[in-house]
């Protein structure tokens, strides 16, 4: 059974994932808070990360949160990622600028 080292660059945190274990579950087991945790089932997009280095497989991910173009450039939902080597990732990508609400104040 292999163990893989995960480095979350923008949080300066590392944790270990066992072979066949989901990235998000391993982070929670390690009592780390390097990745935002939401529904744990791929539905909310909170755990969106960018994988900068390493090999991995993903379960099916919602196109609402990860477009084909994003997936091709390394974005994934941590709750759907099975690392297959050590990984270098960046977290906090759920704040999608295109979906942010704009607050408008009306002055009377």
C-alpha atoms as a PDB file:
ATOM      1  CA  UNK A   1       0.000   0.000   0.000  1.00  0.00           C
ATOM      2  CA  UNK A   2       1.486   3.310  -1.107  1.00  0.00           C
ATOM      3  CA  UNK A   3       1.281   6.603   0.753  1.00  0.00           C
ATOM      4  CA  UNK A   4       1.395   9.884  -1.138  1.00  0.00           C
ATOM      5  CA  UNK A   5       2.481  13.247   0.215  1.00  0.00           C
ATOM      6  CA  UNK A   6       0.133  16.124  -0.569  1.00  0.00           C
ATOM      7  CA  UNK A   7       1.486  19.668  -0.454  1.00  0.00           C
ATOM      8  CA  UNK A   8      -1.054  22.507  -0.403  1.00  0.00           C
ATOM      9  CA  UNK A   9       1.160  25.368  -1.567  1.00  0.00           C
ATOM     10  CA  UNK A  10      -1.048  28.335  -0.753  1.00  0.00           C
ATOM     11  CA  UNK A  11      -1.775  27.017   2.748  1.00  0.00           C
ATOM     12  CA  UNK A  12       1.774  25.718   3.429  1.00  0.00           C
ATOM     13  CA  UNK A  13       0.321  22.432   4.711  1.00  0.00           C
ATOM     14  CA  UNK A  14       1.110  18.826   3.933  1.00  0.00           C
ATOM     15  CA  UNK A  15      -0.701  15.590   4.665  1.00  0.00           C
ATOM     16  CA  UNK A  16      -0.542  11.970   3.576  1.00  0.00           C
ATOM     17  CA  UNK A  17      -3.064  10.083   1.449  1.00  0.00           C
ATOM     18  CA  UNK A  18      -3.138   6.283   1.340  1.00  0.00           C
ATOM     19  CA  UNK A  19      -3.437   4.653  -2.066  1.00  0.00           C
ATOM     20  CA  UNK A  20      -7.122   4.389  -3.012  1.00  0.00           C
ATOM     21  CA  UNK A  21      -8.190   7.075  -0.546  1.00  0.00           C
ATOM     22  CA  UNK A  22      -9.983  10.265  -1.539  1.00  0.00           C
ATOM     23  CA  UNK A  23      -7.972  13.473  -1.195  1.00  0.00           C
ATOM     24  CA  UNK A  24     -10.579  15.281   0.925  1.00  0.00           C
ATOM     25  CA  UNK A  25     -11.127  12.333   3.309  1.00  0.00           C
ATOM     26  CA  UNK A  26      -7.383  12.001   3.879  1.00  0.00           C
ATOM     27  CA  UNK A  27      -7.087  15.703   4.682  1.00  0.00           C
ATOM     28  CA  UNK A  28      -9.916  15.438   7.217  1.00  0.00           C
ATOM     29  CA  UNK A  29      -8.360  12.317   8.789  1.00  0.00           C
ATOM     30  CA  UNK A  30      -5.099  14.249   9.164  1.00  0.00           C
ATOM     31  CA  UNK A  31      -7.055  16.989  10.997  1.00  0.00           C
ATOM     32  CA  UNK A  32      -5.897  19.548   8.439  1.00  0.00           C
ATOM     33  CA  UNK A  33      -7.940  22.435   7.106  1.00  0.00           C
ATOM     34  CA  UNK A  34      -6.059  23.010   3.886  1.00  0.00           C
ATOM     35  CA  UNK A  35      -9.114  22.473   1.669  1.00  0.00           C
ATOM     36  CA  UNK A  36     -12.635  23.779   2.200  1.00  0.00           C
ATOM     37  CA  UNK A  37     -15.126  21.041   3.053  1.00  0.00           C
ATOM     38  CA  UNK A  38     -18.705  21.142   1.845  1.00  0.00           C
ATOM     39  CA  UNK A  39     -21.094  18.342   0.930  1.00  0.00           C
ATOM     40  CA  UNK A  40     -18.335  15.711   0.345  1.00  0.00           C
ATOM     41  CA  UNK A  41     -20.236  14.389  -2.664  1.00  0.00           C
ATOM     42  CA  UNK A  42     -19.254  16.637  -5.554  1.00  0.00           C
ATOM     43  CA  UNK A  43     -22.416  18.711  -5.443  1.00  0.00           C
ATOM     44  CA  UNK A  44     -21.356  22.031  -3.930  1.00  0.00           C
ATOM     45  CA  UNK A  45     -17.930  22.842  -5.410  1.00  0.00           C
ATOM     46  CA  UNK A  46     -16.448  24.127  -2.131  1.00  0.00           C
ATOM     47  CA  UNK A  47     -13.465  21.750  -2.264  1.00  0.00           C
ATOM     48  CA  UNK A  48     -12.324  22.881  -5.724  1.00  0.00           C
ATOM     49  CA  UNK A  49      -8.544  22.680  -6.009  1.00  0.00           C
ATOM     50  CA  UNK A  50      -5.966  23.113  -8.740  1.00  0.00           C
ATOM     51  CA  UNK A  51      -3.530  20.231  -9.068  1.00  0.00           C
ATOM     52  CA  UNK A  52      -0.165  21.672 -10.056  1.00  0.00           C
ATOM     53  CA  UNK A  53       1.913  18.481 -10.051  1.00  0.00           C
ATOM     54  CA  UNK A  54       1.308  14.747  -9.805  1.00  0.00           C
ATOM     55  CA  UNK A  55      -0.865  11.949 -11.161  1.00  0.00           C
ATOM     56  CA  UNK A  56      -4.451  11.358 -10.060  1.00  0.00           C
ATOM     57  CA  UNK A  57      -7.799   9.916 -11.094  1.00  0.00           C
ATOM     58  CA  UNK A  58     -11.159  11.531 -10.473  1.00  0.00           C
ATOM     59  CA  UNK A  59     -14.656  10.221 -10.027  1.00  0.00           C
ATOM     60  CA  UNK A  60     -17.284  11.952 -12.155  1.00  0.00           C
ATOM     61  CA  UNK A  61     -17.478  15.658 -11.334  1.00  0.00           C
ATOM     62  CA  UNK A  62     -20.361  18.066 -11.856  1.00  0.00           C
ATOM     63  CA  UNK A  63     -19.888  20.225 -14.960  1.00  0.00           C
ATOM     64  CA  UNK A  64     -21.523  23.013 -12.933  1.00  0.00           C
ATOM     65  CA  UNK A  65     -18.376  23.199 -10.803  1.00  0.00           C
ATOM     66  CA  UNK A  66     -15.620  21.904 -13.097  1.00  0.00           C
ATOM     67  CA  UNK A  67     -15.863  22.640 -16.813  1.00  0.00           C
ATOM     68  CA  UNK A  68     -14.039  20.451 -19.338  1.00  0.00           C
ATOM     69  CA  UNK A  69     -11.526  23.273 -19.880  1.00  0.00           C
ATOM     70  CA  UNK A  70     -10.922  23.593 -16.127  1.00  0.00           C
ATOM     71  CA  UNK A  71     -10.498  19.843 -15.776  1.00  0.00           C
ATOM     72  CA  UNK A  72      -7.941  19.889 -18.603  1.00  0.00           C
ATOM     73  CA  UNK A  73      -5.970  22.601 -16.795  1.00  0.00           C
ATOM     74  CA  UNK A  74      -5.805  20.692 -13.496  1.00  0.00           C
ATOM     75  CA  UNK A  75      -8.903  21.786 -11.590  1.00  0.00           C
ATOM     76  CA  UNK A  76     -10.770  19.112  -9.644  1.00  0.00           C
ATOM     77  CA  UNK A  77     -13.035  18.632  -6.642  1.00  0.00           C
ATOM     78  CA  UNK A  78     -10.954  17.237  -3.776  1.00  0.00           C
ATOM     79  CA  UNK A  79     -13.845  14.983  -2.711  1.00  0.00           C
ATOM     80  CA  UNK A  80     -13.584  13.197  -6.107  1.00  0.00           C
ATOM     81  CA  UNK A  81      -9.758  12.912  -6.408  1.00  0.00           C
ATOM     82  CA  UNK A  82      -7.753   9.708  -5.921  1.00  0.00           C
ATOM     83  CA  UNK A  83      -4.022  10.608  -5.900  1.00  0.00           C
ATOM     84  CA  UNK A  84      -1.726   8.200  -7.777  1.00  0.00           C
ATOM     85  CA  UNK A  85       1.516   9.960  -6.824  1.00  0.00           C
ATOM     86  CA  UNK A  86       2.649  12.784  -4.560  1.00  0.00           C
ATOM     87  CA  UNK A  87       0.646  15.909  -5.426  1.00  0.00           C
ATOM     88  CA  UNK A  88       1.227  19.638  -5.259  1.00  0.00           C
ATOM     89  CA  UNK A  89      -2.103  21.430  -5.118  1.00  0.00           C
ATOM     90  CA  UNK A  90      -3.576  24.851  -4.540  1.00  0.00           C
ATOM     91  CA  UNK A  91      -6.844  25.193  -2.614  1.00  0.00           C
ATOM     92  CA  UNK A  92      -9.496  27.918  -2.324  1.00  0.00           C
ATOM     93  CA  UNK A  93     -10.651  27.936  -5.935  1.00  0.00           C
ATOM     94  CA  UNK A  94     -14.367  27.779  -5.120  1.00  0.00           C
ATOM     95  CA  UNK A  95     -14.697  31.568  -5.243  1.00  0.00           C
ATOM     96  CA  UNK A  96     -15.587  31.536  -8.897  1.00  0.00           C
ATOM     97  CA  UNK A  97     -15.554  35.155 -10.075  1.00  0.00           C
ATOM     98  CA  UNK A  98     -18.100  34.521 -12.833  1.00  0.00           C
ATOM     99  CA  UNK A  99     -20.728  33.351 -10.332  1.00  0.00           C
ATOM    100  CA  UNK A 100     -20.269  35.975  -7.650  1.00  0.00           C
ATOM    101  CA  UNK A 101     -23.292  38.066  -6.858  1.00  0.00           C
ATOM    102  CA  UNK A 102     -23.040  41.788  -7.313  1.00  0.00           C
ATOM    103  CA  UNK A 103     -24.612  43.832  -4.561  1.00  0.00           C
ATOM    104  CA  UNK A 104     -26.450  46.914  -5.730  1.00  0.00           C
ATOM    105  CA  UNK A 105     -27.572  49.504  -3.258  1.00  0.00           C
ATOM    106  CA  UNK A 106     -30.425  51.736  -4.245  1.00  0.00           C
ATOM    107  CA  UNK A 107     -30.233  55.292  -2.956  1.00  0.00           C
ATOM    108  CA  UNK A 108     -33.594  57.030  -2.529  1.00  0.00           C
END
